[in-house]
Protein backbone atom coordinates (compact mmCIF):
# COMPACT_ATOMS: atom_id res chain seq x y z
CA MET A 1 1.94 15.18 3.69
CA ALA A 2 3.70 18.00 5.62
CA LEU A 3 1.98 20.68 3.55
CA ASN A 4 -1.44 19.19 4.24
CA LYS A 5 -0.71 18.94 7.94
CA ASN A 6 0.48 22.56 8.05
CA ALA A 7 -2.65 23.68 6.23
CA LEU A 8 -4.83 21.95 8.82
CA ILE A 9 -2.89 23.68 11.61
CA ARG A 10 -3.49 27.04 9.93
CA TYR A 11 -7.21 26.35 9.43
CA LYS A 12 -7.61 25.43 13.09
CA THR A 13 -5.62 28.50 14.19
CA ILE A 14 -7.70 30.89 12.07
CA ASP A 15 -10.85 29.26 13.40
CA LYS A 16 -9.67 29.68 16.99
CA CYS A 17 -8.84 33.34 16.39
CA LEU A 18 -12.20 34.17 14.82
CA GLN A 19 -14.02 32.51 17.72
CA ASN A 20 -12.44 35.13 20.00
CA HIS A 21 -14.92 37.99 19.63
CA TYR A 22 -13.14 40.17 22.17
CA ARG A 23 -10.38 41.01 19.74
CA GLN A 24 -10.30 42.53 16.28
CA TRP A 25 -8.36 40.36 13.83
CA THR A 26 -6.49 41.88 10.92
CA LEU A 27 -4.87 39.79 8.20
CA ASP A 28 -1.46 40.47 9.77
CA ASP A 29 -2.77 39.23 13.12
CA LEU A 30 -3.93 35.98 11.53
CA ILE A 31 -0.58 35.55 9.75
CA GLU A 32 1.27 36.00 13.05
CA ALA A 33 -1.04 33.56 14.85
CA CYS A 34 -0.52 30.91 12.16
CA SER A 35 3.26 31.39 12.25
CA ASN A 36 3.29 30.99 16.04
CA ALA A 37 1.11 27.88 15.86
CA LEU A 38 3.33 26.23 13.26
CA TYR A 39 6.42 27.04 15.32
CA GLU A 40 4.78 25.46 18.36
CA PHE A 41 3.87 22.28 16.47
CA GLU A 42 6.98 21.95 14.29
CA GLY A 43 9.64 23.49 16.54
CA ARG A 44 10.98 25.64 13.69
CA ASP A 45 10.15 28.88 11.90
CA ILE A 46 7.89 28.37 8.90
CA ASN A 47 7.25 31.34 6.65
CA VAL A 48 3.52 32.02 6.31
CA SER A 49 2.84 34.49 3.53
CA LYS A 50 -0.04 36.91 3.18
CA ARG A 51 -1.18 35.04 0.08
CA THR A 52 -1.21 31.72 1.97
CA VAL A 53 -3.56 33.00 4.68
CA GLN A 54 -5.79 34.68 2.09
CA LEU A 55 -6.10 31.34 0.27
CA ASP A 56 -6.79 29.63 3.60
CA ILE A 57 -9.66 32.03 4.26
CA GLN A 58 -11.05 31.34 0.79
CA MET A 59 -10.83 27.61 1.43
CA LEU A 60 -12.62 27.96 4.77
CA ARG A 61 -15.36 29.99 3.14
CA SER A 62 -15.84 27.45 0.34
CA ASN A 63 -17.55 24.09 0.32
CA LYS A 64 -14.44 22.21 -0.89
CA LEU A 65 -13.77 20.87 2.60
CA GLY A 66 -17.36 21.23 3.77
CA TYR A 67 -16.65 24.20 6.05
CA ASN A 68 -18.70 27.01 4.42
CA ALA A 69 -17.30 29.25 7.14
CA PRO A 70 -19.24 32.57 7.43
CA ILE A 71 -16.08 34.72 7.46
CA GLU A 72 -16.76 38.39 6.80
CA VAL A 73 -14.66 41.54 6.65
CA TYR A 74 -15.83 44.63 8.48
CA ASP A 75 -14.47 48.17 8.51
CA LYS A 76 -12.52 47.01 5.40
CA LYS A 77 -9.84 45.67 7.72
CA TYR A 78 -10.99 43.14 10.33
CA TYR A 79 -12.12 39.52 10.01
CA ARG A 80 -14.80 37.75 12.05
CA TYR A 81 -17.47 35.05 11.92
CA ALA A 82 -20.89 36.45 11.00
CA ASP A 83 -22.32 33.67 13.19
CA ASP A 84 -20.89 33.99 16.71
CA GLU A 85 -21.56 30.30 17.40
CA TYR A 86 -19.75 28.95 14.33
CA SER A 87 -16.62 26.78 14.50
CA ILE A 88 -15.15 24.38 11.96
CA THR A 89 -14.79 21.83 14.75
CA ASP A 90 -18.55 21.76 15.30
CA ILE A 91 -19.54 20.68 11.78
CA PRO A 92 -21.67 17.56 12.25
CA LEU A 93 -20.66 14.36 10.47
CA THR A 94 -23.34 12.63 8.49
CA GLU A 95 -23.84 8.90 8.89
CA ASN A 96 -22.31 8.38 5.47
CA ASP A 97 -19.30 10.51 6.48
CA MET A 98 -18.75 8.35 9.56
CA ASN A 99 -19.10 5.11 7.62
CA VAL A 100 -16.55 6.29 5.06
CA LEU A 101 -14.18 7.47 7.81
CA SER A 102 -14.49 4.17 9.67
CA GLU A 103 -13.48 2.15 6.63
CA THR A 104 -10.76 4.63 5.68
CA VAL A 105 -9.24 4.34 9.16
CA GLU A 106 -9.23 0.54 8.93
CA MET A 107 -7.59 0.63 5.51
CA LEU A 108 -4.92 3.17 6.50
CA LYS A 109 -3.97 1.08 9.53
CA GLN A 110 -2.85 -1.68 7.16
CA PHE A 111 0.06 0.51 6.04
CA LYS A 112 1.43 1.39 9.48
CA ASP A 113 4.80 -0.24 8.72
CA PHE A 114 5.72 2.46 6.18
CA SER A 115 7.15 5.74 7.46
CA LEU A 116 5.43 7.31 4.46
CA PHE A 117 2.30 7.03 6.61
CA SER A 118 3.95 7.63 9.99
CA GLU A 119 2.62 11.19 10.24
CA LEU A 120 -0.85 9.74 9.89
CA GLY A 121 -0.45 7.72 13.08
CA GLY A 122 -1.84 10.29 15.50
CA ILE A 123 -4.39 11.52 12.98
CA ILE A 124 -5.68 7.99 12.46
CA GLN A 125 -6.09 7.46 16.20
CA ARG A 126 -7.93 10.76 16.58
CA LEU A 127 -10.14 9.97 13.60
CA GLU A 128 -10.92 6.57 15.05
CA ASP A 129 -11.77 8.08 18.42
CA LYS A 130 -13.95 10.77 16.82
CA VAL A 131 -15.86 8.34 14.64
CA TYR A 132 -16.48 5.70 17.25
CA THR A 133 -17.54 8.17 19.92
CA GLU A 134 -20.21 9.48 17.55
CA LYS A 135 -21.71 6.15 16.62
CA ASN A 136 -22.00 2.63 17.97
CA HIS A 137 -19.00 0.41 17.41
CA GLN A 138 -19.40 -1.98 14.50
CA SER A 139 -17.19 -4.46 12.68
CA ALA A 140 -15.36 -3.22 9.61
CA VAL A 141 -17.12 -3.79 6.33
CA ILE A 142 -13.80 -3.82 4.46
CA HIS A 143 -11.36 -6.40 5.79
CA LEU A 144 -7.91 -6.66 4.23
CA ASP A 145 -6.04 -9.93 4.56
CA LYS A 146 -2.98 -9.56 6.77
CA ASN A 147 -0.69 -11.60 8.98
CA GLU A 148 0.62 -9.58 11.91
CA LYS A 149 3.02 -12.40 12.87
CA LEU A 150 4.71 -12.50 9.47
CA LYS A 151 8.45 -12.02 9.83
CA GLY A 152 10.24 -9.30 7.90
CA LEU A 153 7.59 -6.61 8.06
CA GLU A 154 9.90 -4.58 10.28
CA HIS A 155 12.20 -4.15 7.27
CA LEU A 156 9.54 -2.65 5.01
CA ASP A 157 10.21 0.98 5.80
CA ALA A 158 14.01 0.77 5.67
CA LEU A 159 13.82 -0.92 2.27
CA TYR A 160 11.23 1.54 1.00
CA GLN A 161 13.43 4.47 2.03
CA ALA A 162 16.49 2.87 0.41
CA ILE A 163 14.64 2.47 -2.89
CA ILE A 164 13.30 6.02 -3.14
CA LYS A 165 16.65 7.47 -1.99
CA LYS A 166 18.63 5.11 -4.28
CA MET A 167 20.78 3.68 -1.50
CA VAL A 168 22.95 0.59 -1.85
CA LEU A 169 22.25 -2.01 0.83
CA LYS A 170 24.23 -4.56 2.77
CA ILE A 171 21.74 -7.37 3.30
CA LYS A 172 22.24 -10.36 5.56
CA TYR A 173 20.11 -13.03 3.99
CA GLN A 174 19.50 -16.63 4.96
CA SER A 175 17.49 -18.79 2.62
CA PHE A 176 15.62 -21.83 3.88
CA GLN A 177 18.36 -24.06 2.48
CA ALA A 178 21.32 -22.11 3.92
CA ARG A 179 22.85 -23.01 7.28
CA LYS A 180 23.88 -19.42 7.99
CA ALA A 181 23.22 -15.96 6.65
CA SER A 182 25.29 -14.43 3.85
CA GLU A 183 26.03 -10.72 3.36
CA ILE A 184 25.11 -9.36 -0.07
CA ILE A 185 25.73 -5.89 -1.50
CA PHE A 186 22.42 -5.11 -3.15
CA HIS A 187 20.83 -2.43 -5.35
CA PRO A 188 17.10 -2.41 -4.45
CA TYR A 189 14.56 -1.62 -7.17
CA ILE A 190 11.03 -2.42 -5.97
CA LEU A 191 9.03 -4.04 -3.18
CA LYS A 192 6.42 -6.58 -4.22
CA GLU A 193 3.61 -8.25 -2.27
CA PHE A 194 2.19 -11.61 -3.26
CA ASN A 195 -0.03 -13.96 -1.30
CA ASN A 196 0.43 -11.91 1.87
CA ARG A 197 4.25 -12.08 1.70
CA TRP A 198 6.63 -9.25 0.83
CA PHE A 199 9.62 -9.48 -1.49
CA LEU A 200 12.55 -7.21 -2.37
CA ILE A 201 13.60 -7.17 -6.00
CA GLY A 202 16.88 -5.75 -7.23
CA LYS A 203 20.37 -6.51 -8.45
CA PRO A 204 23.38 -7.74 -6.43
CA GLU A 205 26.66 -5.83 -6.78
CA VAL A 206 28.40 -9.07 -7.79
CA GLU A 207 26.10 -10.59 -10.36
CA ALA A 208 25.92 -14.33 -10.82
CA LYS A 209 25.19 -13.60 -14.46
CA LYS A 210 24.85 -10.47 -16.54
CA ASN A 211 21.76 -8.36 -15.81
CA SER A 212 20.56 -10.85 -13.19
CA ILE A 213 17.60 -9.71 -11.11
CA VAL A 214 17.30 -11.28 -7.66
CA THR A 215 14.26 -11.69 -5.41
CA PHE A 216 14.61 -11.78 -1.62
CA ALA A 217 11.77 -12.74 0.72
CA LEU A 218 11.60 -10.21 3.55
CA ASP A 219 11.01 -12.96 6.11
CA ARG A 220 14.48 -14.38 5.28
CA ILE A 221 16.32 -11.06 5.72
CA VAL A 222 18.32 -11.16 8.95
CA GLY A 223 19.73 -7.63 8.89
CA ILE A 224 20.02 -4.48 6.80
CA ASP A 225 22.77 -1.85 6.56
CA TYR A 226 23.82 0.77 3.99
CA ASP A 227 26.96 1.08 1.87
CA THR A 228 27.51 4.69 0.86
CA THR A 229 30.84 3.94 -0.84
CA ILE A 230 29.17 2.27 -3.82
CA ALA A 231 27.28 4.14 -6.52
CA TYR A 232 23.69 3.04 -6.98
CA LYS A 233 23.00 1.23 -10.27
CA ASN A 234 19.95 2.84 -11.78
CA ASP A 235 18.90 0.50 -14.57
CA ASN A 236 15.41 2.02 -14.94
CA PHE A 237 13.94 -1.28 -13.82
CA ASP A 238 10.30 -1.65 -14.91
CA GLY A 239 8.43 -3.93 -12.50
CA ASP A 240 5.29 -4.05 -14.64
CA LYS A 241 7.28 -5.23 -17.66
CA TYR A 242 9.38 -7.66 -15.63
CA TYR A 243 6.31 -9.41 -14.15
CA LYS A 244 4.10 -9.09 -17.23
CA ASP A 245 4.07 -12.84 -17.99
CA VAL A 246 4.40 -14.09 -14.42
CA ILE A 247 2.09 -15.27 -11.67
CA GLY A 248 3.69 -14.51 -8.32
CA VAL A 249 7.35 -13.48 -7.96
CA THR A 250 9.37 -16.33 -9.48
CA VAL A 251 10.72 -15.19 -12.84
CA SER A 252 12.56 -17.84 -14.86
CA ASN A 253 14.78 -17.61 -17.93
CA THR A 254 12.17 -19.47 -19.96
CA ARG A 255 9.71 -17.79 -22.26
CA ALA A 256 6.05 -17.48 -21.46
CA GLU A 257 3.94 -20.35 -22.76
CA ARG A 258 0.30 -20.83 -23.56
CA ILE A 259 -1.24 -22.83 -20.72
CA GLN A 260 -4.60 -24.44 -21.46
CA PHE A 261 -6.70 -25.86 -18.64
CA TRP A 262 -10.21 -27.07 -17.92
CA VAL A 263 -12.15 -26.08 -14.80
CA ASP A 264 -15.29 -27.94 -13.75
CA LYS A 265 -18.71 -26.34 -13.99
CA LYS A 266 -18.92 -25.59 -10.28
CA ASN A 267 -15.63 -23.68 -10.04
CA ALA A 268 -15.54 -22.07 -13.48
CA PRO A 269 -17.45 -18.93 -12.36
CA TYR A 270 -14.74 -18.23 -9.75
CA VAL A 271 -12.00 -18.45 -12.38
CA ILE A 272 -14.01 -16.26 -14.76
CA THR A 273 -14.54 -13.52 -12.17
CA LYS A 274 -11.03 -13.83 -10.68
CA PRO A 275 -8.68 -14.70 -13.55
CA PHE A 276 -5.41 -16.53 -12.90
CA HIS A 277 -3.62 -13.86 -14.96
CA SER A 278 -4.41 -10.78 -17.04
CA SER A 279 -3.79 -12.82 -20.21
CA GLN A 280 -6.59 -15.28 -19.37
CA ARG A 281 -9.07 -16.01 -22.17
CA LEU A 282 -12.16 -18.21 -22.20
CA ILE A 283 -11.71 -20.71 -25.03
CA GLU A 284 -14.62 -23.12 -24.81
CA ARG A 285 -17.71 -23.77 -22.74
CA ARG A 286 -18.49 -27.44 -22.22
CA ASP A 287 -21.34 -29.22 -20.48
CA ASP A 288 -19.02 -30.24 -17.66
CA GLY A 289 -16.95 -27.04 -17.40
CA VAL A 290 -14.95 -24.33 -19.15
CA VAL A 291 -11.59 -24.32 -20.98
CA PHE A 292 -9.25 -21.35 -20.46
CA ASN A 293 -5.93 -20.14 -21.87
CA ILE A 294 -3.28 -18.07 -20.11
CA PHE A 295 0.09 -16.93 -21.44
CA VAL A 296 2.64 -17.13 -18.61
CA GLN A 297 5.94 -18.61 -17.51
CA ILE A 298 5.69 -21.99 -15.82
CA ASN A 299 6.80 -21.43 -12.24
CA PHE A 300 6.25 -22.52 -8.64
CA GLU A 301 3.36 -20.13 -8.03
CA LEU A 302 1.48 -21.30 -11.11
CA GLU A 303 1.81 -24.91 -10.00
CA ARG A 304 0.62 -24.07 -6.48
CA MET A 305 -2.38 -22.23 -7.88
CA ILE A 306 -3.35 -25.19 -10.06
CA LEU A 307 -2.85 -27.69 -7.23
CA GLY A 308 -5.07 -25.54 -5.05
CA PHE A 309 -8.07 -26.44 -7.20
CA GLY A 310 -7.52 -30.16 -6.60
CA ASN A 311 -9.79 -32.35 -8.72
CA SER A 312 -11.67 -29.33 -10.08
CA ILE A 313 -9.00 -28.51 -12.66
CA GLU A 314 -7.14 -30.32 -15.44
CA VAL A 315 -4.11 -29.01 -17.33
CA LEU A 316 -4.58 -29.79 -21.03
CA LYS A 317 -1.47 -28.14 -22.51
CA PRO A 318 1.52 -28.12 -22.59
CA ASN A 319 2.27 -31.77 -22.00
CA LYS A 320 5.27 -31.10 -19.74
CA LEU A 321 3.13 -29.14 -17.26
CA ARG A 322 0.35 -31.71 -17.52
CA LYS A 323 2.82 -34.49 -16.66
CA ARG A 324 4.32 -32.45 -13.78
CA MET A 325 0.88 -31.89 -12.24
CA LYS A 326 0.05 -35.59 -12.65
CA ASP A 327 3.29 -36.65 -10.93
CA LYS A 328 2.66 -34.30 -8.01
CA LEU A 329 -0.89 -35.56 -7.59
CA VAL A 330 0.26 -39.19 -7.69
CA GLU A 331 2.77 -38.45 -4.93
CA ALA A 332 0.04 -36.68 -2.95
CA VAL A 333 -2.25 -39.71 -3.21
CA LYS A 334 0.55 -41.90 -1.83
CA LEU A 335 0.54 -39.81 1.33
CA TYR A 336 -3.11 -40.59 1.91
CA ASN A 337 -2.65 -44.27 1.14
CA ASN A 338 -0.31 -44.61 4.11
CA PRO A 339 -2.03 -45.40 7.42
CA THR A 340 -1.81 -42.64 10.05
């Protein structure tokens, strides 16, 4: 990200120099101007080589960024714009450009909790201002589901940084069942999002059982600190492999099973176009609906997904899951049998 930002600073500096027609600009002059601009923005000396500025000029001349800057060399030494009125800041945005930028801005704003995108903050605001001053305000066409009031989002960046830097954590965690928070020494591996909630997956220093992987909901994390006295356990954890046979984040010690279920005719198209799991297969088309198979572990998230379809779904196999769904539905009916 820093290299891209520095390149943009150089482009703008070269552009500003070449707009000044009262001075002759040599390559050394442009190098010095870029170095001064980067020092002003970054507060430190950044070496700008002759080759870097030459490549910048080539980029400005090309159509790769849409500039097509008319930079010419005269007297075999000096640089200038052949068109005295040209500036890279005056390139008009097409309607398609503005539509794309509008949606890009909205999408980037979803990731504001990660410092990975922190340098984009000011750029995003300037982009938003530029786009919306050039066209009438309109609602976003792309709308990502989010919950700004969800607890734990403030921990996202600290956890992200700990994972990429392989830092051992001291986590204060309080589950819904616990009366008070407990401190756990933890080796973080990945962050996972499911159903608009974030989870931290890793391994505790003191394992309840060998090779045990633990999942913490970010909204139950009370505090985070680091422990630099403990070496990070790098077990080459593979999140894709770990969650291969799982819907959601709850991984059990049981093997994946073939789940067969029927979905009524009205809702079957939704399940076909948005499968429960990547293993989903269409087994049979009936007059009243469709039969599917998935190969997954039976867990809480699977049950919640099935219950969400109410009377539009029926578990056919295995019998233990069929019975569990029946028992839950019977208990649910009892709630509605009671007078309010």
